[in-house]
Amino acid sequence: MEQLSVDEEKLKKLLKETLLEVIEQKRNLFHDIVAEAIEDIALTNAIKEGESTESASREEIFNIIEGKS
């Protein structure tokens, strides 16, 4: 069986070019993935922050939502 010789630098360059091409062609998909990851991080941080604060009543929440705070 014949062995394939691979130049590491050429392979790196090819992978980078391919990744950039995919990002450019699928920009919306890439944007959605990054946006969702940021939202997940923000939600996680909000949950952690909420765990260390006092609970609010249902009435307090609805007053805030309705702008009656």
Foldseek 3Di string as FASTA:
>chain_A
DDDDDDDPVVVVVVVVVVVVVCCVVPVVVVVVVVVVVVVVVVVVVVVVVVVPDDDDDPVVVVCVVVVND
